[in-house]
Structures are given as structure tokens and as C-alpha cells.
Amino acid sequence: MPTPRFLTLDDVAEILNVSWSQAYALVRRRELIAIQIGGRGQWRVEVDELERFIQQKYAEARAGTAPLPEEPAEVPPGPDTRDDAPVETAPAGTAPRGRRRSR
């Protein structure tokens, strides 16, 4: 059987080891070129385009131009986030304030 020319976003996600949503975001941002087939949003990525994308990302990483993952900002502890601060608990059988209890 010949190698397929086009991949679905599920295939792309599996190859890149990312979620379908992340693969779709690459297409939406036009980082990864894809074509839409039919009217129901069936996206297809050519195998050569995926390879080009991967090589481009390697080139960016080697050149140091690839964005680094953002580190979460450290939030200094406030007065109520101390380890020794009392913890409020709701009495047994009651729902926490601000939330409705489902019946």
C-alpha cells in the first residue's frame, strides 16, 4: 500500500505527541499549513508540510529563536495563605458557600 499523501489532524497530533486541539491551533495560527476538505471542517496536512514544520522548529531551536515555555509567576504568600492559617470548613451536610447543591 502506498504511503498516504495527507494526514488528518488526529494523525498530526499523534505524530507530534500533542492533543488534537494543539494541532488545530497550529493550523489556525498558520504555523502548520493545512487544507480544508468539504464543508464540515475536515482538515488535511500534507506529509511534506508536516516534515517542513518539524524541520523549521528544529532550526528555530538550534538558532535559539524558538520561544521558551513560560514559567509560572511566583505569587508571594498573602496573609491567609500561611501554612499555619486556620482553614474554614463547612459543617457536615452543607454545601460550601457560593455554590448550589445539586438535588
Protein backbone atom coordinates (compact mmCIF):
# COMPACT_ATOMS: atom_id res chain seq x y z
CA MET A 1 0.00 0.00 0.00
CA PRO A 2 1.47 3.43 -0.91
CA THR A 3 2.25 5.98 1.79
CA PRO A 4 -0.68 8.39 2.19
CA ARG A 5 -0.09 11.94 0.97
CA PHE A 6 -2.35 13.61 3.54
CA LEU A 7 -2.77 13.26 7.29
CA THR A 8 -5.75 14.10 9.47
CA LEU A 9 -5.33 16.35 12.50
CA ASP A 10 -5.63 13.21 14.63
CA ASP A 11 -2.64 11.77 12.77
CA VAL A 12 -0.67 15.02 13.16
CA ALA A 13 -1.49 15.17 16.86
CA GLU A 14 -0.29 11.60 17.33
CA ILE A 15 2.95 12.19 15.39
CA LEU A 16 3.74 15.37 17.33
CA ASN A 17 2.54 13.83 20.60
CA VAL A 18 0.14 16.71 21.26
CA SER A 19 -3.62 16.97 21.63
CA TRP A 20 -5.96 17.45 18.69
CA SER A 21 -6.67 20.98 19.97
CA GLN A 22 -2.98 21.84 19.90
CA ALA A 23 -2.63 20.51 16.34
CA TYR A 24 -5.68 22.55 15.31
CA ALA A 25 -4.19 25.66 16.95
CA LEU A 26 -1.04 25.24 14.83
CA VAL A 27 -3.25 25.21 11.73
CA ARG A 28 -5.32 28.20 12.90
CA ARG A 29 -2.14 30.23 13.57
CA ARG A 30 -0.85 29.13 10.14
CA GLU A 31 2.30 27.69 11.65
CA LEU A 32 1.33 24.41 10.03
CA ILE A 33 -0.19 24.67 6.57
CA ALA A 34 -3.32 22.58 6.01
CA ILE A 35 -6.20 22.41 3.57
CA GLN A 36 -9.87 22.08 4.40
CA ILE A 37 -11.79 19.36 2.61
CA GLY A 38 -15.56 19.51 2.48
CA GLY A 39 -17.84 21.75 4.46
CA ARG A 40 -17.50 20.14 7.86
CA GLY A 41 -14.02 21.28 8.74
CA GLN A 42 -12.12 18.20 7.66
CA TRP A 43 -8.51 19.40 7.76
CA ARG A 44 -5.69 17.60 5.95
CA VAL A 45 -1.97 18.19 6.31
CA GLU A 46 0.38 17.05 3.59
CA VAL A 47 3.14 14.77 4.90
CA ASP A 48 5.78 17.04 3.32
CA GLU A 49 4.29 20.10 5.10
CA LEU A 50 4.45 18.34 8.45
CA GLU A 51 8.08 17.41 7.82
CA ARG A 52 8.83 21.03 6.82
CA PHE A 53 7.18 22.24 10.04
CA ILE A 54 9.23 19.84 12.16
CA GLN A 55 12.48 20.85 10.44
CA GLN A 56 11.60 24.53 10.88
CA LYS A 57 11.06 24.01 14.61
CA TYR A 58 14.42 22.24 14.89
CA ALA A 59 16.10 25.12 13.03
CA GLU A 60 14.47 27.63 15.40
CA ALA A 61 15.61 25.63 18.40
CA ARG A 62 19.18 25.46 17.10
CA ALA A 63 19.22 29.21 16.37
CA GLY A 64 17.75 30.00 19.77
CA THR A 65 14.76 31.77 18.25
CA ALA A 66 12.14 29.32 19.46
CA PRO A 67 10.03 30.76 22.28
CA LEU A 68 10.80 29.22 25.64
CA PRO A 69 7.95 27.89 27.73
CA GLU A 70 6.77 30.48 30.21
CA GLU A 71 7.43 29.71 33.82
CA PRO A 72 4.56 30.33 36.19
CA ALA A 73 4.96 33.54 38.13
CA GLU A 74 5.57 33.04 41.81
CA VAL A 75 2.88 34.57 43.95
CA PRO A 76 4.10 35.66 47.36
CA PRO A 77 2.02 34.19 50.15
CA GLY A 78 -0.69 36.51 51.38
CA PRO A 79 -1.83 36.81 54.97
CA ASP A 80 -4.33 33.94 54.61
CA THR A 81 -2.07 31.54 52.69
CA ARG A 82 0.32 30.77 55.55
CA ASP A 83 0.73 27.15 56.47
CA ASP A 84 -0.43 27.90 60.00
CA ALA A 85 -3.54 29.89 58.93
CA PRO A 86 -6.82 28.40 60.12
CA VAL A 87 -8.79 26.55 57.45
CA GLU A 88 -12.51 27.18 57.28
CA THR A 89 -14.63 24.10 56.81
CA ALA A 90 -18.35 23.85 56.22
CA PRO A 91 -20.43 21.94 58.74
CA ALA A 92 -21.18 18.37 57.73
CA GLY A 93 -24.09 18.06 55.31
CA THR A 94 -23.86 21.63 53.99
CA ALA A 95 -22.60 22.87 50.68
CA PRO A 96 -19.74 25.36 50.53
CA ARG A 97 -20.87 28.98 50.30
CA GLY A 98 -21.32 30.34 46.81
CA ARG A 99 -22.18 27.00 45.26
CA ARG A 100 -25.55 25.44 44.78
CA ARG A 101 -26.08 21.93 45.86
CA SER A 102 -27.43 19.61 43.17
CA ARG A 103 -30.53 17.66 44.07
